[in-house]
Amino acid sequence: MYKEASEALARSHAALSETHEKLNYSTSHDPATGLLNREAFMVTWLVWAEMKNVTCCS
């Protein structure tokens, strides 16, 4: 009984994780080109710039 419940929970978790990954991708990429959309690009650039101590528009 517990084994079946555990296996069902594991399958459910795997499906949820896959759906989460697809949703994250679709919200950060342009559907026509597959490239990062503007918001995702800016966030990525800002993280990179902060790591490299780059300033913008000084």
Protein backbone atom coordinates (compact mmCIF):
# COMPACT_ATOMS: atom_id res chain seq x y z
CA MET A 1 0.00 0.00 0.00
CA TYR A 2 2.69 2.51 0.95
CA LYS A 3 4.85 1.45 -1.97
CA GLU A 4 2.10 2.22 -4.50
CA ALA A 5 1.40 5.57 -2.87
CA SER A 6 5.10 6.40 -2.88
CA GLU A 7 5.44 5.48 -6.56
CA ALA A 8 2.36 7.50 -7.47
CA LEU A 9 3.75 10.48 -5.58
CA ALA A 10 7.10 10.13 -7.37
CA ARG A 11 5.36 10.06 -10.78
CA SER A 12 3.27 13.06 -9.85
CA HIS A 13 6.35 14.95 -8.69
CA ALA A 14 8.19 14.13 -11.93
CA ALA A 15 5.26 15.34 -14.03
CA LEU A 16 4.98 18.52 -12.00
CA SER A 17 8.71 19.19 -12.32
CA GLU A 18 8.56 18.73 -16.09
CA THR A 19 5.58 21.07 -16.37
CA HIS A 20 7.39 23.64 -14.22
CA GLU A 21 10.45 23.53 -16.49
CA LYS A 22 8.31 23.96 -19.61
CA LEU A 23 6.47 26.89 -18.04
CA ASN A 24 9.73 28.58 -17.02
CA TYR A 25 11.06 28.19 -20.56
CA SER A 26 7.91 29.50 -22.20
CA THR A 27 7.79 32.57 -19.97
CA SER A 28 11.40 33.54 -20.66
CA HIS A 29 11.75 32.73 -24.39
CA ASP A 30 10.24 34.12 -27.57
CA PRO A 31 8.05 31.42 -29.15
CA ALA A 32 9.00 32.40 -32.72
CA THR A 33 12.78 32.49 -32.30
CA GLY A 34 13.50 30.52 -29.15
CA LEU A 35 15.70 33.38 -27.95
CA LEU A 36 15.43 34.99 -24.54
CA ASN A 37 12.68 37.58 -24.38
CA ARG A 38 13.46 41.15 -23.34
CA GLU A 39 12.85 40.66 -19.62
CA ALA A 40 14.87 37.44 -19.40
CA PHE A 41 17.68 39.02 -21.44
CA MET A 42 17.84 42.05 -19.14
CA VAL A 43 17.83 39.92 -15.99
CA THR A 44 20.59 37.73 -17.43
CA TRP A 45 22.62 40.77 -18.49
CA LEU A 46 22.21 42.48 -15.11
CA VAL A 47 23.37 39.37 -13.26
CA TRP A 48 26.37 39.07 -15.59
CA ALA A 49 27.17 42.79 -15.27
CA GLU A 50 27.01 42.60 -11.49
CA MET A 51 29.38 39.64 -11.45
CA LYS A 52 31.81 41.49 -13.73
CA ASN A 53 31.37 44.85 -12.00
CA VAL A 54 30.18 46.40 -15.27
CA THR A 55 28.24 49.65 -15.10
CA CYS A 56 25.72 50.82 -17.64
CA CYS A 57 25.07 54.33 -18.82
CA SER A 58 27.66 56.03 -16.61
